[in-house]
Amino acid sequence: MSVSRISSRSRRLNKAQKLSVAGVSTLAAAALAFSLVPDSASATTEPQAASGAPVVFAGSSQTKSVQSSVIEQHSTAAQLVKAADSAKAEATAAEKKAAAKNEAKAKAVAEAKKEAAAKKKAAAKADAKKRSAKKASRAADRKPVYANNLDGWIREALSIMDKKNIPGTYEGLHRNIIRESSGNPRAINDWDINAINGVPSKGLLQVIKPTFDFYHVKGTKHDQYDPVANITAAANYAADKYGSIDNVDSAY
């Protein structure tokens, strides 16, 4: 093998290998030197000098140094592994903590959105209820208030008759009321055949009880003496028998 190849291979050795080779070479040299000492050396050498001189192996300190270096390297490697494991564990714990924090945040956001939606829905419901109440109030405000007299009774009766499709006009109602009762809602006939039979005619348009009950208009009072109830029941009867109260000009 050439010198250049040895030199090239030597350069590829790391520091620890170089130290190990040096230690082994030293030990080998010491062992070789010891083996070259002749057996007769003990006879020619003074016993006191031979027994008293310490045996020193060349390169023993270098071997210990290599061993210490190897041990130190192992210790350092172990420490690095331990540190890496610790760092990994810390990183994992941090990731879990961050994930838990994000999950809690997402949950809080979802709850907040849900609560906001519920509040919005409740507010919308309350607003709708308020608008409905206002609408009803406006409708009530628009409801006409009729005077508590003959004119008011006729006009209110005509409003109900219009909704119930009962024909009749203000003139026809007023004309028949004046003839039958002179506009007195408490008028009663106690002398005609109906009175003799025990069912006297009563009210503005002088209707008997059986007729009033049969032709009573729903939504009005069930009272013969009530002006509006009396007018609408009589007009309903007249529409059935004569086509309209306007067609009545005498007792009917």
C-alpha atoms as a PDB file:
ATOM      1  CA  MET A   1       0.000   0.000   0.000  1.00  0.00           C
ATOM      2  CA  SER A   2       1.435   3.432  -0.931  1.00  0.00           C
ATOM      3  CA  VAL A   3       2.027   6.273   1.488  1.00  0.00           C
ATOM      4  CA  SER A   4      -0.454   8.542  -0.306  1.00  0.00           C
ATOM      5  CA  ARG A   5      -3.309   6.006   0.198  1.00  0.00           C
ATOM      6  CA  ILE A   6      -2.518   5.701   3.920  1.00  0.00           C
ATOM      7  CA  SER A   7      -2.438   9.463   4.218  1.00  0.00           C
ATOM      8  CA  SER A   8      -5.789   9.785   2.418  1.00  0.00           C
ATOM      9  CA  ARG A   9      -7.436   7.175   4.649  1.00  0.00           C
ATOM     10  CA  SER A  10      -6.013   8.785   7.760  1.00  0.00           C
ATOM     11  CA  ARG A  11      -7.585  12.095   6.809  1.00  0.00           C
ATOM     12  CA  ARG A  12     -11.011  10.424   6.774  1.00  0.00           C
ATOM     13  CA  LEU A  13     -10.703   9.351  10.426  1.00  0.00           C
ATOM     14  CA  ASN A  14     -12.512  11.482  12.944  1.00  0.00           C
ATOM     15  CA  LYS A  15     -10.961  12.792  16.109  1.00  0.00           C
ATOM     16  CA  ALA A  16     -12.201  10.010  18.378  1.00  0.00           C
ATOM     17  CA  GLN A  17     -10.944   7.313  15.966  1.00  0.00           C
ATOM     18  CA  LYS A  18      -7.571   8.964  15.764  1.00  0.00           C
ATOM     19  CA  LEU A  19      -7.303   9.013  19.548  1.00  0.00           C
ATOM     20  CA  SER A  20      -8.405   5.392  19.770  1.00  0.00           C
ATOM     21  CA  VAL A  21      -5.802   4.309  17.183  1.00  0.00           C
ATOM     22  CA  ALA A  22      -3.121   6.239  19.032  1.00  0.00           C
ATOM     23  CA  GLY A  23      -4.025   4.581  22.322  1.00  0.00           C
ATOM     24  CA  VAL A  24      -4.084   1.119  20.831  1.00  0.00           C
ATOM     25  CA  SER A  25      -0.719   1.723  19.126  1.00  0.00           C
ATOM     26  CA  THR A  26       0.780   2.847  22.369  1.00  0.00           C
ATOM     27  CA  LEU A  27      -0.457  -0.203  24.218  1.00  0.00           C
ATOM     28  CA  ALA A  28       0.834  -2.454  21.462  1.00  0.00           C
ATOM     29  CA  ALA A  29       4.247  -0.837  21.614  1.00  0.00           C
ATOM     30  CA  ALA A  30       4.386  -1.249  25.372  1.00  0.00           C
ATOM     31  CA  ALA A  31       3.398  -4.887  25.134  1.00  0.00           C
ATOM     32  CA  LEU A  32       6.081  -5.487  22.483  1.00  0.00           C
ATOM     33  CA  ALA A  33       8.770  -3.856  24.567  1.00  0.00           C
ATOM     34  CA  PHE A  34       7.832  -5.909  27.565  1.00  0.00           C
ATOM     35  CA  SER A  35       7.945  -9.147  25.606  1.00  0.00           C
ATOM     36  CA  LEU A  36      11.508  -8.366  24.368  1.00  0.00           C
ATOM     37  CA  VAL A  37      12.955  -8.372  27.859  1.00  0.00           C
ATOM     38  CA  PRO A  38      14.984 -11.675  28.260  1.00  0.00           C
ATOM     39  CA  ASP A  39      14.096 -14.114  30.977  1.00  0.00           C
ATOM     40  CA  SER A  40      17.622 -13.775  32.304  1.00  0.00           C
ATOM     41  CA  ALA A  41      17.039 -10.134  33.024  1.00  0.00           C
ATOM     42  CA  SER A  42      15.678 -11.018  36.383  1.00  0.00           C
ATOM     43  CA  ALA A  43      18.974 -12.835  37.209  1.00  0.00           C
ATOM     44  CA  THR A  44      21.264  -9.989  36.154  1.00  0.00           C
ATOM     45  CA  THR A  45      19.156  -7.267  37.647  1.00  0.00           C
ATOM     46  CA  GLU A  46      19.246  -6.570  41.306  1.00  0.00           C
ATOM     47  CA  PRO A  47      16.226  -7.907  43.001  1.00  0.00           C
ATOM     48  CA  GLN A  48      15.684  -4.723  44.998  1.00  0.00           C
ATOM     49  CA  ALA A  49      15.800  -2.493  41.891  1.00  0.00           C
ATOM     50  CA  ALA A  50      13.546  -4.772  39.872  1.00  0.00           C
ATOM     51  CA  SER A  51      10.969  -5.174  42.606  1.00  0.00           C
ATOM     52  CA  GLY A  52      10.957  -1.541  43.589  1.00  0.00           C
ATOM     53  CA  ALA A  53      10.641   0.113  40.128  1.00  0.00           C
ATOM     54  CA  PRO A  54       7.049   0.760  39.040  1.00  0.00           C
ATOM     55  CA  VAL A  55       5.879  -0.583  35.700  1.00  0.00           C
ATOM     56  CA  VAL A  56       4.683   2.228  33.442  1.00  0.00           C
ATOM     57  CA  PHE A  57       2.828   1.497  30.221  1.00  0.00           C
ATOM     58  CA  ALA A  58       3.365   4.033  27.540  1.00  0.00           C
ATOM     59  CA  GLY A  59       0.188   5.754  26.357  1.00  0.00           C
ATOM     60  CA  SER A  60      -2.064   4.783  29.313  1.00  0.00           C
ATOM     61  CA  SER A  61      -3.112   8.441  29.866  1.00  0.00           C
ATOM     62  CA  GLN A  62      -4.164   8.750  26.219  1.00  0.00           C
ATOM     63  CA  THR A  63      -6.326   5.626  26.521  1.00  0.00           C
ATOM     64  CA  LYS A  64      -8.047   7.064  29.556  1.00  0.00           C
ATOM     65  CA  SER A  65      -8.554  10.310  27.687  1.00  0.00           C
ATOM     66  CA  VAL A  66     -10.190   8.456  24.788  1.00  0.00           C
ATOM     67  CA  GLN A  67     -12.409   6.550  27.187  1.00  0.00           C
ATOM     68  CA  SER A  68     -13.389   9.763  28.945  1.00  0.00           C
ATOM     69  CA  SER A  69     -14.133  11.379  25.600  1.00  0.00           C
ATOM     70  CA  VAL A  70     -16.341   8.478  24.531  1.00  0.00           C
ATOM     71  CA  ILE A  71     -18.197   8.528  27.851  1.00  0.00           C
ATOM     72  CA  GLU A  72     -18.630  12.267  27.589  1.00  0.00           C
ATOM     73  CA  GLN A  73     -19.958  11.934  24.059  1.00  0.00           C
ATOM     74  CA  HIS A  74     -22.461   9.283  25.175  1.00  0.00           C
ATOM     75  CA  SER A  75     -23.550  11.517  28.063  1.00  0.00           C
ATOM     76  CA  THR A  76     -23.934  14.512  25.762  1.00  0.00           C
ATOM     77  CA  ALA A  77     -25.930  12.442  23.263  1.00  0.00           C
ATOM     78  CA  ALA A  78     -28.209  11.200  26.045  1.00  0.00           C
ATOM     79  CA  GLN A  79     -28.729  14.748  27.246  1.00  0.00           C
ATOM     80  CA  LEU A  80     -29.547  15.874  23.705  1.00  0.00           C
ATOM     81  CA  VAL A  81     -32.068  13.038  23.280  1.00  0.00           C
ATOM     82  CA  LYS A  82     -33.624  13.899  26.629  1.00  0.00           C
ATOM     83  CA  ALA A  83     -33.780  17.579  25.718  1.00  0.00           C
ATOM     84  CA  ALA A  84     -35.344  16.726  22.341  1.00  0.00           C
ATOM     85  CA  ASP A  85     -37.975  14.519  24.003  1.00  0.00           C
ATOM     86  CA  SER A  86     -38.721  17.273  26.512  1.00  0.00           C
ATOM     87  CA  ALA A  87     -39.051  19.861  23.744  1.00  0.00           C
ATOM     88  CA  LYS A  88     -41.330  17.533  21.771  1.00  0.00           C
ATOM     89  CA  ALA A  89     -43.508  16.950  24.847  1.00  0.00           C
ATOM     90  CA  GLU A  90     -43.705  20.699  25.471  1.00  0.00           C
ATOM     91  CA  ALA A  91     -44.610  21.319  21.822  1.00  0.00           C
ATOM     92  CA  THR A  92     -47.336  18.651  21.982  1.00  0.00           C
ATOM     93  CA  ALA A  93     -48.729  20.137  25.196  1.00  0.00           C
ATOM     94  CA  ALA A  94     -48.681  23.609  23.654  1.00  0.00           C
ATOM     95  CA  GLU A  95     -50.521  22.325  20.566  1.00  0.00           C
ATOM     96  CA  LYS A  96     -53.174  20.669  22.732  1.00  0.00           C
ATOM     97  CA  LYS A  97     -53.558  23.819  24.811  1.00  0.00           C
ATOM     98  CA  ALA A  98     -53.874  25.951  21.674  1.00  0.00           C
ATOM     99  CA  ALA A  99     -56.424  23.512  20.192  1.00  0.00           C
ATOM    100  CA  ALA A 100     -58.470  23.575  23.418  1.00  0.00           C
ATOM    101  CA  LYS A 101     -58.312  27.365  23.456  1.00  0.00           C
ATOM    102  CA  ASN A 102     -59.455  27.576  19.826  1.00  0.00           C
ATOM    103  CA  GLU A 103     -62.257  25.110  20.482  1.00  0.00           C
ATOM    104  CA  ALA A 104     -63.415  27.118  23.514  1.00  0.00           C
ATOM    105  CA  LYS A 105     -63.263  30.321  21.473  1.00  0.00           C
ATOM    106  CA  ALA A 106     -65.252  28.756  18.624  1.00  0.00           C
ATOM    107  CA  LYS A 107     -67.835  27.482  21.105  1.00  0.00           C
ATOM    108  CA  ALA A 108     -68.107  30.923  22.703  1.00  0.00           C
ATOM    109  CA  VAL A 109     -68.569  32.538  19.280  1.00  0.00           C
ATOM    110  CA  ALA A 110     -71.258  29.988  18.370  1.00  0.00           C
ATOM    111  CA  GLU A 111     -73.076  30.593  21.664  1.00  0.00           C
ATOM    112  CA  ALA A 112     -72.861  34.350  21.147  1.00  0.00           C
ATOM    113  CA  LYS A 113     -74.307  34.017  17.631  1.00  0.00           C
ATOM    114  CA  LYS A 114     -77.077  31.762  18.909  1.00  0.00           C
ATOM    115  CA  GLU A 115     -77.927  34.202  21.696  1.00  0.00           C
ATOM    116  CA  ALA A 116     -77.868  37.143  19.269  1.00  0.00           C
ATOM    117  CA  ALA A 117     -80.191  35.250  16.879  1.00  0.00           C
ATOM    118  CA  ALA A 118     -82.584  34.466  19.744  1.00  0.00           C
ATOM    119  CA  LYS A 119     -82.606  38.113  20.841  1.00  0.00           C
ATOM    120  CA  LYS A 120     -83.174  39.233  17.253  1.00  0.00           C
ATOM    121  CA  LYS A 121     -86.058  36.793  16.871  1.00  0.00           C
ATOM    122  CA  ALA A 122     -87.611  37.909  20.172  1.00  0.00           C
ATOM    123  CA  ALA A 123     -87.213  41.562  19.175  1.00  0.00           C
ATOM    124  CA  ALA A 124     -88.831  40.889  15.796  1.00  0.00           C
ATOM    125  CA  LYS A 125     -91.710  39.082  17.497  1.00  0.00           C
ATOM    126  CA  ALA A 126     -92.187  41.902  19.968  1.00  0.00           C
ATOM    127  CA  ASP A 127     -92.041  44.447  17.147  1.00  0.00           C
ATOM    128  CA  ALA A 128     -94.626  42.509  15.136  1.00  0.00           C
ATOM    129  CA  LYS A 129     -96.888  42.345  18.178  1.00  0.00           C
ATOM    130  CA  LYS A 130     -96.457  46.061  18.741  1.00  0.00           C
ATOM    131  CA  ARG A 131     -97.277  46.822  15.091  1.00  0.00           C
ATOM    132  CA  SER A 132    -100.349  44.587  15.305  1.00  0.00           C
ATOM    133  CA  ALA A 133    -101.503  46.409  18.416  1.00  0.00           C
ATOM    134  CA  LYS A 134    -100.994  49.761  16.723  1.00  0.00           C
ATOM    135  CA  LYS A 135    -102.902  48.535  13.669  1.00  0.00           C
ATOM    136  CA  ALA A 136    -105.776  47.359  15.842  1.00  0.00           C
ATOM    137  CA  SER A 137    -105.703  50.649  17.686  1.00  0.00           C
ATOM    138  CA  ARG A 138    -105.827  52.596  14.425  1.00  0.00           C
ATOM    139  CA  ALA A 139    -108.708  50.397  13.236  1.00  0.00           C
ATOM    140  CA  ALA A 140    -110.531  51.077  16.474  1.00  0.00           C
ATOM    141  CA  ASP A 141    -109.838  54.765  16.072  1.00  0.00           C
ATOM    142  CA  ARG A 142    -111.292  54.616  12.558  1.00  0.00           C
ATOM    143  CA  LYS A 143    -114.433  52.849  13.784  1.00  0.00           C
ATOM    144  CA  PRO A 144    -117.237  55.378  13.467  1.00  0.00           C
ATOM    145  CA  VAL A 145    -118.927  56.568  16.597  1.00  0.00           C
ATOM    146  CA  TYR A 146    -122.641  56.924  16.054  1.00  0.00           C
ATOM    147  CA  ALA A 147    -124.796  59.380  17.907  1.00  0.00           C
ATOM    148  CA  ASN A 148    -127.210  57.951  20.433  1.00  0.00           C
ATOM    149  CA  ASN A 149    -130.282  59.237  18.604  1.00  0.00           C
ATOM    150  CA  LEU A 150    -132.513  58.209  15.732  1.00  0.00           C
ATOM    151  CA  ASP A 151    -130.065  59.414  13.092  1.00  0.00           C
ATOM    152  CA  GLY A 152    -127.194  57.530  14.735  1.00  0.00           C
ATOM    153  CA  TRP A 153    -129.250  54.340  15.167  1.00  0.00           C
ATOM    154  CA  ILE A 154    -130.298  54.325  11.508  1.00  0.00           C
ATOM    155  CA  ARG A 155    -126.731  54.955  10.286  1.00  0.00           C
ATOM    156  CA  GLU A 156    -125.273  52.217  12.480  1.00  0.00           C
ATOM    157  CA  ALA A 157    -127.999  49.788  11.363  1.00  0.00           C
ATOM    158  CA  LEU A 158    -127.245  50.598   7.700  1.00  0.00           C
ATOM    159  CA  SER A 159    -123.519  49.854   8.297  1.00  0.00           C
ATOM    160  CA  ILE A 160    -124.394  46.402   9.692  1.00  0.00           C
ATOM    161  CA  MET A 161    -126.951  45.741   6.945  1.00  0.00           C
ATOM    162  CA  ASP A 162    -124.337  46.551   4.308  1.00  0.00           C
ATOM    163  CA  LYS A 163    -121.940  43.941   5.775  1.00  0.00           C
ATOM    164  CA  LYS A 164    -124.756  41.340   5.964  1.00  0.00           C
ATOM    165  CA  ASN A 165    -126.074  42.134   2.463  1.00  0.00           C
ATOM    166  CA  ILE A 166    -129.479  43.250   3.788  1.00  0.00           C
ATOM    167  CA  PRO A 167    -131.040  45.783   1.400  1.00  0.00           C
ATOM    168  CA  GLY A 168    -132.460  49.116   2.598  1.00  0.00           C
ATOM    169  CA  THR A 169    -131.859  52.851   2.563  1.00  0.00           C
ATOM    170  CA  TYR A 170    -131.861  55.621   5.105  1.00  0.00           C
ATOM    171  CA  GLU A 171    -135.104  57.013   3.648  1.00  0.00           C
ATOM    172  CA  GLY A 172    -136.907  53.660   3.748  1.00  0.00           C
ATOM    173  CA  LEU A 173    -135.889  52.989   7.348  1.00  0.00           C
ATOM    174  CA  HIS A 174    -136.643  56.500   8.586  1.00  0.00           C
ATOM    175  CA  ARG A 175    -140.077  56.579   6.872  1.00  0.00           C
ATOM    176  CA  ASN A 176    -141.213  53.283   8.398  1.00  0.00           C
ATOM    177  CA  ILE A 177    -139.818  54.087  11.854  1.00  0.00           C
ATOM    178  CA  ILE A 178    -141.736  57.365  12.024  1.00  0.00           C
ATOM    179  CA  ARG A 179    -144.951  55.638  10.995  1.00  0.00           C
ATOM    180  CA  GLU A 180    -144.567  52.678  13.380  1.00  0.00           C
ATOM    181  CA  SER A 181    -143.170  54.297  16.551  1.00  0.00           C
ATOM    182  CA  SER A 182    -142.546  58.018  15.932  1.00  0.00           C
ATOM    183  CA  GLY A 183    -138.884  57.262  16.677  1.00  0.00           C
ATOM    184  CA  ASN A 184    -139.479  55.936  20.229  1.00  0.00           C
ATOM    185  CA  PRO A 185    -137.325  52.789  20.863  1.00  0.00           C
ATOM    186  CA  ARG A 186    -139.508  51.893  23.916  1.00  0.00           C
ATOM    187  CA  ALA A 187    -142.797  51.994  21.986  1.00  0.00           C
ATOM    188  CA  ILE A 188    -145.160  49.024  22.464  1.00  0.00           C
ATOM    189  CA  ASN A 189    -148.473  48.174  20.862  1.00  0.00           C
ATOM    190  CA  ASP A 190    -150.835  46.764  23.474  1.00  0.00           C
ATOM    191  CA  TRP A 191    -154.135  46.876  21.582  1.00  0.00           C
ATOM    192  CA  ASP A 192    -153.769  45.026  18.215  1.00  0.00           C
ATOM    193  CA  ILE A 193    -154.279  41.342  17.508  1.00  0.00           C
ATOM    194  CA  ASN A 194    -150.685  40.556  18.398  1.00  0.00           C
ATOM    195  CA  ALA A 195    -151.125  42.137  21.815  1.00  0.00           C
ATOM    196  CA  ILE A 196    -154.384  40.225  22.291  1.00  0.00           C
ATOM    197  CA  ASN A 197    -152.467  37.013  21.469  1.00  0.00           C
ATOM    198  CA  GLY A 198    -149.819  37.902  24.059  1.00  0.00           C
ATOM    199  CA  VAL A 199    -147.008  38.869  21.651  1.00  0.00           C
ATOM    200  CA  PRO A 200    -147.184  42.657  21.345  1.00  0.00           C
ATOM    201  CA  SER A 201    -145.160  44.569  18.780  1.00  0.00           C
ATOM    202  CA  LYS A 202    -142.220  46.490  20.261  1.00  0.00           C
ATOM    203  CA  GLY A 203    -139.445  48.942  19.369  1.00  0.00           C
ATOM    204  CA  LEU A 204    -138.746  51.377  16.555  1.00  0.00           C
ATOM    205  CA  LEU A 205    -140.159  49.151  13.785  1.00  0.00           C
ATOM    206  CA  GLN A 206    -142.721  47.320  15.956  1.00  0.00           C
ATOM    207  CA  VAL A 207    -141.676  43.672  15.527  1.00  0.00           C
ATOM    208  CA  ILE A 208    -143.115  40.848  17.597  1.00  0.00           C
ATOM    209  CA  LYS A 209    -140.857  38.527  19.621  1.00  0.00           C
ATOM    210  CA  PRO A 210    -141.039  35.442  17.308  1.00  0.00           C
ATOM    211  CA  THR A 211    -140.179  37.575  14.260  1.00  0.00           C
ATOM    212  CA  PHE A 212    -137.342  39.334  16.113  1.00  0.00           C
ATOM    213  CA  ASP A 213    -135.881  36.013  17.287  1.00  0.00           C
ATOM    214  CA  PHE A 214    -136.066  34.420  13.817  1.00  0.00           C
ATOM    215  CA  TYR A 215    -134.605  37.395  11.907  1.00  0.00           C
ATOM    216  CA  HIS A 216    -132.194  38.626  14.556  1.00  0.00           C
ATOM    217  CA  VAL A 217    -128.891  39.750  13.009  1.00  0.00           C
ATOM    218  CA  LYS A 218    -125.781  38.254  14.596  1.00  0.00           C
ATOM    219  CA  GLY A 219    -123.528  40.852  16.171  1.00  0.00           C
ATOM    220  CA  THR A 220    -126.353  42.955  17.560  1.00  0.00           C
ATOM    221  CA  LYS A 221    -127.943  42.735  21.003  1.00  0.00           C
ATOM    222  CA  HIS A 222    -130.656  40.108  21.466  1.00  0.00           C
ATOM    223  CA  ASP A 223    -133.071  42.720  22.794  1.00  0.00           C
ATOM    224  CA  GLN A 224    -136.282  43.888  21.061  1.00  0.00           C
ATOM    225  CA  TYR A 225    -135.942  47.334  22.600  1.00  0.00           C
ATOM    226  CA  ASP A 226    -132.345  47.848  21.411  1.00  0.00           C
ATOM    227  CA  PRO A 227    -132.662  50.390  18.532  1.00  0.00           C
ATOM    228  CA  VAL A 228    -130.018  48.915  16.209  1.00  0.00           C
ATOM    229  CA  ALA A 229    -131.032  45.290  16.883  1.00  0.00           C
ATOM    230  CA  ASN A 230    -134.704  46.175  16.280  1.00  0.00           C
ATOM    231  CA  ILE A 231    -134.006  48.017  12.999  1.00  0.00           C
ATOM    232  CA  THR A 232    -131.736  45.306  11.520  1.00  0.00           C
ATOM    233  CA  ALA A 233    -134.091  42.447  12.470  1.00  0.00           C
ATOM    234  CA  ALA A 234    -137.100  44.286  10.950  1.00  0.00           C
ATOM    235  CA  ALA A 235    -135.134  45.147   7.789  1.00  0.00           C
ATOM    236  CA  ASN A 236    -134.025  41.511   7.485  1.00  0.00           C
ATOM    237  CA  TYR A 237    -137.663  40.374   7.797  1.00  0.00           C
ATOM    238  CA  ALA A 238    -138.851  42.962   5.256  1.00  0.00           C
ATOM    239  CA  ALA A 239    -136.129  41.901   2.773  1.00  0.00           C
ATOM    240  CA  ASP A 240    -137.324  38.309   3.069  1.00  0.00           C
ATOM    241  CA  LYS A 241    -141.034  39.148   2.672  1.00  0.00           C
ATOM    242  CA  TYR A 242    -141.027  42.276   0.470  1.00  0.00           C
ATOM    243  CA  GLY A 243    -137.556  42.449  -1.082  1.00  0.00           C
ATOM    244  CA  SER A 244    -136.541  45.509   0.986  1.00  0.00           C
ATOM    245  CA  ILE A 245    -137.760  47.750   3.805  1.00  0.00           C
ATOM    246  CA  ASP A 246    -137.977  50.448   1.140  1.00  0.00           C
ATOM    247  CA  ASN A 247    -140.960  48.559  -0.353  1.00  0.00           C
ATOM    248  CA  VAL A 248    -142.969  48.750   2.891  1.00  0.00           C
ATOM    249  CA  ASP A 249    -145.484  51.644   3.166  1.00  0.00           C
ATOM    250  CA  SER A 250    -147.902  50.318   5.770  1.00  0.00           C
ATOM    251  CA  ALA A 251    -148.303  47.651   8.405  1.00  0.00           C
ATOM    252  CA  TYR A 252    -146.277  44.643   7.428  1.00  0.00           C
END
